Amino acid sequence: MASTWALNFQEVEQDPLAADILRVSAFVSPEGIPLELLSSGASQLGPVLAATLATSEDPLVLNEALEPLTRYSLIRRDVDTQTYSIHRMVQEVVKGQIGVAQQAGWAERVVRAVEQSFPEVSHLTWTRCQRYISHALVCVAQIDRWRMTFWEARNLLHQVGKYFYQRGQFWEAEPLWKSCQAICERVLGPEHPDTLSTVNNLAVLYDDQGKYEQAEPLYQRALEASERVLGLEHPDTLSTVNNLANLYADQGKYEQAEPLYQRALETRERVLGPEHPDKLLTVNNLAAFYHDQGKDEQAEPLYQRALTSLVRVLGPEHPDTAQTLGNLAILYHDQGKFELAAPLYERALAIYESVLGTDHPRTVDVRNNYANLQEKMKQKTEEVSSKPKAPRKQGRK
């Protein structure tokens, strides 16, 4: 079979465009290769593909380019999903045909193309990210194998890690961000802004998992260097200030947390504006901080203020809006104001289920809190010791 495919590949080589598409296909996941990867990433895939596909929006051009590959059964098209697949053995035959030296070059081209095609990560782009994730992970292996250090390689590690982080898959995000940090430190130095951003991201990741001993020195390192390199009022510096305050608050170190929250809030309002999402994030976090200490008279108006602005700025269906809804529900829940808490839980749960999915950690937390509230409402006369919990404070990557 391998010999037959090798002969077929020799025939395909008479068509330079089809031959280059086959070479590209050898360096991604064999299943579900998006057709748009070839067009959107064409400018990174060598002169033949760039000249033919990068400037053409006519789907017939791509169909014609793929025709020799389907004719020789080297790929399988899926019209419904607009993808194609290639047998793993075909990938190995193709790699064997081009040799080790050219493999490194084609691997680099594919990494650049996948990075260019991979969406900027947010909850709005998760579906598109999922379309590329298996191919991005193959690229991650290529980055490691060929010791790639260029910007696109670093950014792909960052974006794929961010995708897994947002989905609550922390174990998937950690090695990607650690690899990104190692490359940044080696290539850019320990105090480059890109390095410090990755250090902050890793700290947030550990903080969210309750690994405070690992998170704190990373926050401290990022903050000290950011203040020196970027300045006291740079948005990245203020993000780390906010995040370090969260860590201290989560550990009950309120005297260390409060001045950091106040600094982040006041400076973000002055530098970014009164309704910037990062500033509203700190308002939410400060409200949670006060609620943790039983200072509900300070917490409630902050939650209300954050919620009103978040609905106006980000919209009523945004996950950050849902977070503050859930937090305000927890405050009323703890106060025994069940009638006020219930509709807030319902709204937050509906948003999370719709936007983040039913199994996301935030969705699960709100669902459990709401179930606990419903049980209490049924048994008002009984003492229920269980208290609601949720990741009420949030860092910013």
Protein backbone atom coordinates (compact mmCIF):
# COMPACT_ATOMS: atom_id res chain seq x y z
CA MET A 1 0.00 0.00 0.00
CA ALA A 2 2.82 2.38 0.87
CA SER A 3 4.48 1.64 -2.46
CA THR A 4 1.24 2.34 -4.33
CA TRP A 5 0.81 5.67 -2.55
CA ALA A 6 4.43 6.55 -3.24
CA LEU A 7 3.81 5.99 -6.95
CA ASN A 8 0.64 8.06 -6.76
CA PHE A 9 2.57 10.83 -5.08
CA GLN A 10 5.10 10.77 -7.92
CA GLU A 11 2.22 11.25 -10.35
CA VAL A 12 0.78 14.10 -8.27
CA GLU A 13 4.17 15.84 -8.23
CA GLN A 14 3.54 16.71 -11.86
CA ASP A 15 1.04 19.25 -10.44
CA PRO A 16 3.04 21.56 -8.10
CA LEU A 17 -0.08 22.97 -6.43
CA ALA A 18 -1.55 19.56 -5.57
CA ALA A 19 1.88 18.30 -4.46
CA ASP A 20 2.31 21.21 -2.02
CA ILE A 21 -1.19 20.68 -0.59
CA LEU A 22 -0.24 17.06 0.05
CA ARG A 23 2.94 18.15 1.79
CA VAL A 24 0.96 20.56 3.98
CA SER A 25 -1.48 17.77 4.82
CA ALA A 26 1.36 15.61 6.14
CA PHE A 27 2.00 18.05 9.01
CA VAL A 28 -1.50 18.42 10.49
CA SER A 29 -3.93 16.01 12.12
CA PRO A 30 -5.09 13.47 9.53
CA GLU A 31 -8.81 13.95 10.18
CA GLY A 32 -11.02 16.99 9.61
CA ILE A 33 -8.54 19.30 7.88
CA PRO A 34 -10.49 22.54 7.20
CA LEU A 35 -10.48 23.59 3.57
CA GLU A 36 -10.21 27.20 4.67
CA LEU A 37 -6.82 26.43 6.26
CA LEU A 38 -5.42 26.17 2.74
CA SER A 39 -6.86 29.53 1.70
CA SER A 40 -6.59 31.55 4.91
CA GLY A 41 -3.09 30.26 5.60
CA ALA A 42 -1.92 30.19 1.97
CA SER A 43 0.36 33.20 2.37
CA GLN A 44 2.46 31.16 4.81
CA LEU A 45 2.53 27.92 2.81
CA GLY A 46 5.15 28.63 0.19
CA PRO A 47 5.19 30.49 -3.13
CA VAL A 48 3.03 28.03 -5.10
CA LEU A 49 0.09 28.04 -2.70
CA ALA A 50 0.50 31.73 -1.94
CA ALA A 51 0.37 32.67 -5.63
CA THR A 52 -2.68 30.54 -6.35
CA LEU A 53 -4.88 30.51 -3.23
CA ALA A 54 -3.94 33.58 -1.16
CA THR A 55 -5.39 35.99 -3.70
CA SER A 56 -8.37 33.94 -4.91
CA GLU A 57 -11.76 33.71 -3.24
CA ASP A 58 -13.17 31.42 -5.94
CA PRO A 59 -13.88 27.99 -4.36
CA LEU A 60 -13.49 26.39 -7.78
CA VAL A 61 -9.76 27.15 -7.68
CA LEU A 62 -9.35 25.12 -4.49
CA ASN A 63 -11.58 22.34 -5.81
CA GLU A 64 -9.45 22.06 -8.91
CA ALA A 65 -6.30 21.98 -6.80
CA LEU A 66 -7.65 19.10 -4.70
CA GLU A 67 -8.95 17.07 -7.66
CA PRO A 68 -5.70 15.16 -8.39
CA LEU A 69 -5.44 14.15 -4.73
CA THR A 70 -8.96 12.74 -4.65
CA ARG A 71 -8.49 11.05 -8.02
CA TYR A 72 -5.48 9.13 -6.70
CA SER A 73 -7.27 8.40 -3.37
CA LEU A 74 -4.67 10.33 -1.39
CA ILE A 75 -7.33 12.36 0.43
CA ARG A 76 -11.07 12.01 1.22
CA ARG A 77 -13.36 15.04 0.92
CA ASP A 78 -16.27 15.73 3.29
CA VAL A 79 -18.57 18.17 1.51
CA ASP A 80 -20.89 18.65 4.50
CA THR A 81 -18.16 19.85 6.88
CA GLN A 82 -15.93 21.42 4.23
CA THR A 83 -12.99 19.36 5.42
CA TYR A 84 -10.85 16.57 4.09
CA SER A 85 -8.88 13.69 5.61
CA ILE A 86 -5.67 11.87 4.76
CA HIS A 87 -4.49 8.40 5.81
CA ARG A 88 -1.71 8.42 8.41
CA MET A 89 0.39 6.15 6.20
CA VAL A 90 0.08 8.64 3.35
CA GLN A 91 1.41 11.31 5.71
CA GLU A 92 4.42 9.13 6.55
CA VAL A 93 5.05 8.31 2.87
CA VAL A 94 4.97 12.01 1.99
CA LYS A 95 7.40 12.87 4.81
CA GLY A 96 9.69 10.09 3.67
CA GLN A 97 9.64 11.43 0.11
CA ILE A 98 10.74 14.94 1.07
CA GLY A 99 13.44 14.02 3.60
CA VAL A 100 14.32 15.39 7.02
CA ALA A 101 15.74 18.73 5.89
CA GLN A 102 12.58 19.72 4.04
CA GLN A 103 10.37 18.37 6.84
CA ALA A 104 11.56 21.15 9.13
CA GLY A 105 10.70 23.76 6.52
CA TRP A 106 7.23 22.39 5.84
CA ALA A 107 6.54 21.99 9.56
CA GLU A 108 7.42 25.67 10.06
CA ARG A 109 5.16 26.73 7.20
CA VAL A 110 2.24 24.77 8.65
CA VAL A 111 2.76 26.21 12.15
CA ARG A 112 2.67 29.72 10.70
CA ALA A 113 -0.46 28.93 8.65
CA VAL A 114 -2.34 27.34 11.57
CA GLU A 115 -1.44 30.29 13.82
CA GLN A 116 -2.71 32.68 11.16
CA SER A 117 -5.97 30.72 10.81
CA PHE A 118 -6.55 30.02 14.52
CA PRO A 119 -9.19 32.50 15.83
CA GLU A 120 -8.49 35.01 18.57
CA VAL A 121 -9.81 33.10 21.57
CA SER A 122 -13.03 34.16 23.29
CA HIS A 123 -16.26 32.39 24.17
CA LEU A 124 -17.61 33.64 20.83
CA THR A 125 -14.96 31.77 18.83
CA TRP A 126 -14.83 28.44 20.69
CA THR A 127 -16.61 26.57 17.88
CA ARG A 128 -14.11 27.83 15.31
CA CYS A 129 -11.22 27.08 17.68
CA GLN A 130 -12.46 23.52 18.08
CA ARG A 131 -12.32 23.11 14.30
CA TYR A 132 -8.57 23.77 14.44
CA ILE A 133 -7.61 22.37 17.84
CA SER A 134 -6.41 18.92 16.73
CA HIS A 135 -4.23 20.52 14.05
CA ALA A 136 -2.90 23.09 16.51
CA LEU A 137 -1.88 20.30 18.88
CA VAL A 138 0.05 18.58 16.08
CA CYS A 139 1.75 21.94 15.52
CA VAL A 140 2.60 22.09 19.23
CA ALA A 141 4.47 18.80 18.83
CA GLN A 142 6.27 20.20 15.78
CA ILE A 143 7.24 23.35 17.71
CA ASP A 144 8.84 21.16 20.35
CA ARG A 145 10.50 18.76 17.88
CA TRP A 146 12.07 21.42 15.70
CA ARG A 147 12.69 23.89 18.58
CA MET A 148 10.75 26.70 16.90
CA THR A 149 10.98 30.05 18.64
CA PHE A 150 9.49 32.58 16.18
CA TRP A 151 6.54 34.75 17.18
CA GLU A 152 3.85 32.65 15.46
CA ALA A 153 4.99 29.55 17.31
CA ARG A 154 4.89 31.36 20.65
CA ASN A 155 1.51 32.91 19.93
CA LEU A 156 0.00 29.58 18.90
CA LEU A 157 1.13 28.06 22.22
CA HIS A 158 -0.45 31.04 24.01
CA GLN A 159 -3.75 30.93 22.09
CA VAL A 160 -4.23 27.16 22.38
CA GLY A 161 -3.44 27.37 26.11
CA LYS A 162 -5.93 30.23 26.44
CA TYR A 163 -8.60 28.14 24.70
CA PHE A 164 -8.12 25.25 27.12
CA TYR A 165 -8.01 27.63 30.10
CA GLN A 166 -11.29 29.27 29.12
CA ARG A 167 -12.88 25.84 28.71
CA GLY A 168 -11.79 24.91 32.25
CA GLN A 169 -9.30 22.30 30.98
CA PHE A 170 -6.44 23.50 33.17
CA TRP A 171 -4.36 20.34 32.77
CA GLU A 172 -4.26 20.96 29.00
CA ALA A 173 -3.37 24.65 29.34
CA GLU A 174 -0.47 24.30 31.79
CA PRO A 175 2.15 22.56 29.57
CA LEU A 176 1.38 24.93 26.69
CA TRP A 177 1.88 28.05 28.77
CA LYS A 178 4.99 26.60 30.42
CA SER A 179 6.47 25.90 26.99
CA CYS A 180 5.57 29.43 25.88
CA GLN A 181 7.23 30.88 28.98
CA ALA A 182 10.40 28.84 28.44
CA ILE A 183 10.70 29.96 24.82
CA CYS A 184 10.02 33.61 25.69
CA GLU A 185 12.65 33.59 28.42
CA ARG A 186 15.22 31.97 26.13
CA VAL A 187 14.56 34.20 23.12
CA LEU A 188 13.31 37.49 24.57
CA GLY A 189 14.70 37.50 28.09
CA PRO A 190 13.11 37.19 31.56
CA GLU A 191 11.69 40.74 31.64
CA HIS A 192 10.26 41.10 28.15
CA PRO A 193 6.53 42.00 28.24
CA ASP A 194 5.61 38.76 26.42
CA THR A 195 7.51 36.74 29.02
CA LEU A 196 5.84 38.60 31.89
CA SER A 197 2.41 38.08 30.33
CA THR A 198 2.98 34.33 30.25
CA VAL A 199 4.25 34.35 33.83
CA ASN A 200 1.04 36.14 34.88
CA ASN A 201 -1.07 33.63 32.94
CA LEU A 202 0.57 30.67 34.67
CA ALA A 203 0.01 32.34 38.05
CA VAL A 204 -3.70 32.78 37.26
CA LEU A 205 -3.87 29.13 36.23
CA TYR A 206 -2.35 27.95 39.51
CA ASP A 207 -4.43 30.43 41.53
CA ASP A 208 -7.66 29.11 40.02
CA GLN A 209 -6.67 25.61 41.11
CA GLY A 210 -5.88 26.72 44.66
CA LYS A 211 -2.13 26.18 44.15
CA TYR A 212 -1.27 29.38 45.97
CA GLU A 213 2.34 28.43 46.77
CA GLN A 214 3.04 28.14 43.05
CA ALA A 215 1.02 31.19 42.04
CA GLU A 216 2.32 33.81 44.49
CA PRO A 217 6.00 33.92 43.46
CA LEU A 218 4.97 34.13 39.82
CA TYR A 219 2.64 37.06 40.56
CA GLN A 220 5.37 38.78 42.57
CA ARG A 221 7.90 38.30 39.80
CA ALA A 222 5.50 39.56 37.13
CA LEU A 223 4.46 42.58 39.20
CA GLU A 224 7.95 43.71 40.15
CA ALA A 225 9.23 43.41 36.59
CA SER A 226 6.11 44.97 35.02
CA GLU A 227 6.33 48.01 37.29
CA ARG A 228 9.96 48.47 36.30
CA VAL A 229 9.65 47.69 32.56
CA LEU A 230 6.13 48.84 31.68
CA GLY A 231 5.35 51.33 34.43
CA LEU A 232 3.01 51.55 37.40
CA GLU A 233 -0.09 52.37 35.33
CA HIS A 234 0.32 50.01 32.40
CA PRO A 235 -2.74 47.76 31.87
CA ASP A 236 -0.60 44.60 32.18
CA THR A 237 0.82 45.83 35.48
CA LEU A 238 -2.67 46.56 36.78
CA SER A 239 -3.88 43.11 35.73
CA THR A 240 -1.22 41.53 37.90
CA VAL A 241 -2.08 43.90 40.77
CA ASN A 242 -5.73 42.77 40.53
CA ASN A 243 -4.72 39.12 40.31
CA LEU A 244 -2.35 39.25 43.28
CA ALA A 245 -5.13 40.90 45.32
CA ASN A 246 -7.38 37.95 44.42
CA LEU A 247 -4.76 35.50 45.64
CA TYR A 248 -4.35 37.26 48.99
CA ALA A 249 -8.12 37.55 49.41
CA ASP A 250 -8.61 33.84 48.67
CA GLN A 251 -6.11 33.06 51.44
CA GLY A 252 -7.81 35.40 53.90
CA LYS A 253 -4.91 37.87 53.83
CA TYR A 254 -7.27 40.82 53.71
CA GLU A 255 -4.82 43.49 54.88
CA GLN A 256 -2.53 42.67 51.95
CA ALA A 257 -5.36 42.36 49.45
CA GLU A 258 -7.33 45.57 50.05
CA PRO A 259 -4.68 48.17 49.08
CA LEU A 260 -4.00 46.22 45.89
CA TYR A 261 -7.70 46.18 45.00
CA GLN A 262 -7.97 49.91 45.69
CA ARG A 263 -4.89 50.61 43.59
CA ALA A 264 -6.20 48.54 40.68
CA LEU A 265 -9.66 50.11 40.90
CA GLU A 266 -8.56 53.73 41.12
CA THR A 267 -5.86 53.46 38.46
CA ARG A 268 -7.97 51.45 36.02
CA GLU A 269 -10.77 53.98 36.32
CA ARG A 270 -8.37 56.84 35.63
CA VAL A 271 -6.39 55.15 32.84
CA LEU A 272 -9.03 52.96 31.17
CA GLY A 273 -12.26 54.76 32.01
CA PRO A 274 -15.16 54.16 34.42
CA GLU A 275 -16.82 51.42 32.33
CA HIS A 276 -13.88 49.53 30.91
CA PRO A 277 -14.39 45.75 31.37
CA ASP A 278 -11.11 45.41 33.32
CA LYS A 279 -12.18 48.13 35.71
CA LEU A 280 -15.59 46.46 36.18
CA LEU A 281 -13.78 43.18 36.84
CA THR A 282 -12.01 44.80 39.79
CA VAL A 283 -15.32 46.24 41.06
CA ASN A 284 -16.73 42.70 41.05
CA ASN A 285 -13.64 41.33 42.80
CA LEU A 286 -13.68 44.04 45.46
CA ALA A 287 -17.36 43.32 46.14
CA ALA A 288 -16.54 39.62 46.64
CA PHE A 289 -13.68 40.66 48.93
CA TYR A 290 -16.05 42.66 51.15
CA HIS A 291 -18.65 39.90 51.16
CA ASP A 292 -16.02 37.39 52.31
CA GLN A 293 -15.52 39.58 55.40
CA GLY A 294 -19.24 39.98 56.05
CA LYS A 295 -19.24 43.61 54.90
CA ASP A 296 -22.36 43.20 52.79
CA GLU A 297 -23.33 46.87 53.06
CA GLN A 298 -20.17 47.64 51.06
CA ALA A 299 -20.37 44.62 48.78
CA GLU A 300 -23.96 44.90 47.54
CA PRO A 301 -23.78 48.36 45.92
CA LEU A 302 -20.52 47.38 44.21
CA TYR A 303 -22.14 44.28 42.74
CA GLN A 304 -25.13 46.34 41.60
CA ARG A 305 -22.85 48.95 40.07
CA ALA A 306 -20.76 46.31 38.26
CA LEU A 307 -23.85 44.46 37.03
CA THR A 308 -25.52 47.57 35.60
CA SER A 309 -22.37 48.56 33.71
CA LEU A 310 -21.57 45.03 32.51
CA VAL A 311 -25.03 44.65 31.00
CA ARG A 312 -24.58 47.96 29.21
CA VAL A 313 -20.96 47.41 28.09
CA LEU A 314 -20.69 43.66 27.43
CA GLY A 315 -24.34 42.72 27.14
CA PRO A 316 -26.78 40.66 29.25
CA GLU A 317 -25.49 37.31 27.91
CA HIS A 318 -21.76 37.77 28.49
CA PRO A 319 -19.99 35.35 30.91
CA ASP A 320 -18.62 38.28 32.98
CA THR A 321 -22.19 39.51 33.41
CA ALA A 322 -23.20 36.02 34.51
CA GLN A 323 -20.36 35.94 37.02
CA THR A 324 -21.58 39.09 38.77
CA LEU A 325 -25.17 37.81 38.65
CA GLY A 326 -24.01 34.64 40.38
CA ASN A 327 -21.98 36.58 42.92
CA LEU A 328 -24.90 38.82 43.85
CA ALA A 329 -27.05 35.71 44.15
CA ILE A 330 -24.52 34.24 46.59
CA LEU A 331 -24.69 37.41 48.70
CA TYR A 332 -28.50 37.23 48.92
CA HIS A 333 -28.29 33.46 49.44
CA ASP A 334 -26.02 33.93 52.46
CA GLN A 335 -28.33 36.61 53.83
CA GLY A 336 -31.33 34.31 53.59
CA LYS A 337 -32.96 36.48 50.91
CA PHE A 338 -33.87 33.46 48.84
CA GLU A 339 -36.51 35.22 46.74
CA LEU A 340 -33.88 37.70 45.52
CA ALA A 341 -31.18 35.07 44.97
CA ALA A 342 -33.24 32.57 42.94
CA PRO A 343 -33.85 34.64 39.77
CA LEU A 344 -30.22 35.74 39.73
CA TYR A 345 -29.02 32.13 39.87
CA GLU A 346 -31.48 31.27 37.10
CA ARG A 347 -30.16 34.03 34.84
CA ALA A 348 -26.51 33.19 35.51
CA LEU A 349 -27.11 29.47 34.93
CA ALA A 350 -28.93 30.09 31.67
CA ILE A 351 -26.07 32.25 30.38
CA TYR A 352 -23.37 29.79 31.40
CA GLU A 353 -25.18 26.79 29.93
CA SER A 354 -25.73 28.63 26.67
CA VAL A 355 -22.31 30.22 26.35
CA LEU A 356 -19.86 28.00 28.27
CA GLY A 357 -21.66 24.66 28.14
CA THR A 358 -23.27 22.42 30.74
CA ASP A 359 -20.01 20.88 31.99
CA HIS A 360 -17.90 24.02 32.40
CA PRO A 361 -16.67 24.51 36.02
CA ARG A 362 -18.51 27.84 36.36
CA THR A 363 -21.74 26.28 35.12
CA VAL A 364 -21.38 23.40 37.56
CA ASP A 365 -20.73 25.77 40.49
CA VAL A 366 -23.79 27.91 39.78
CA ARG A 367 -25.96 24.83 39.20
CA ASN A 368 -24.86 23.40 42.57
CA ASN A 369 -25.44 26.72 44.33
CA TYR A 370 -28.92 27.02 42.84
CA ALA A 371 -29.74 23.43 43.82
CA ASN A 372 -28.61 24.21 47.35
CA LEU A 373 -30.82 27.30 47.41
CA GLN A 374 -33.84 25.34 46.16
CA GLU A 375 -33.30 22.79 48.91
CA LYS A 376 -33.17 25.55 51.50
CA MET A 377 -36.34 27.11 50.15
CA LYS A 378 -38.08 23.75 50.60
CA GLN A 379 -36.78 23.32 54.09
CA LYS A 380 -36.74 26.81 55.53
CA THR A 381 -37.18 25.59 59.06
CA GLU A 382 -34.22 23.21 58.93
CA GLU A 383 -30.61 24.25 59.36
CA VAL A 384 -28.58 23.54 56.24
CA SER A 385 -24.86 23.86 56.79
CA SER A 386 -23.74 23.78 53.18
CA LYS A 387 -22.59 27.15 51.90
CA PRO A 388 -22.49 28.26 48.24
CA LYS A 389 -19.17 28.52 46.48
CA ALA A 390 -17.97 29.81 43.14
CA PRO A 391 -14.90 31.39 41.56
CA ARG A 392 -16.14 34.85 42.44
CA LYS A 393 -12.93 36.67 41.64
CA GLN A 394 -11.37 36.58 38.23
CA GLY A 395 -7.99 37.33 36.72
CA ARG A 396 -7.42 38.76 33.31
CA LYS A 397 -5.13 37.10 30.77
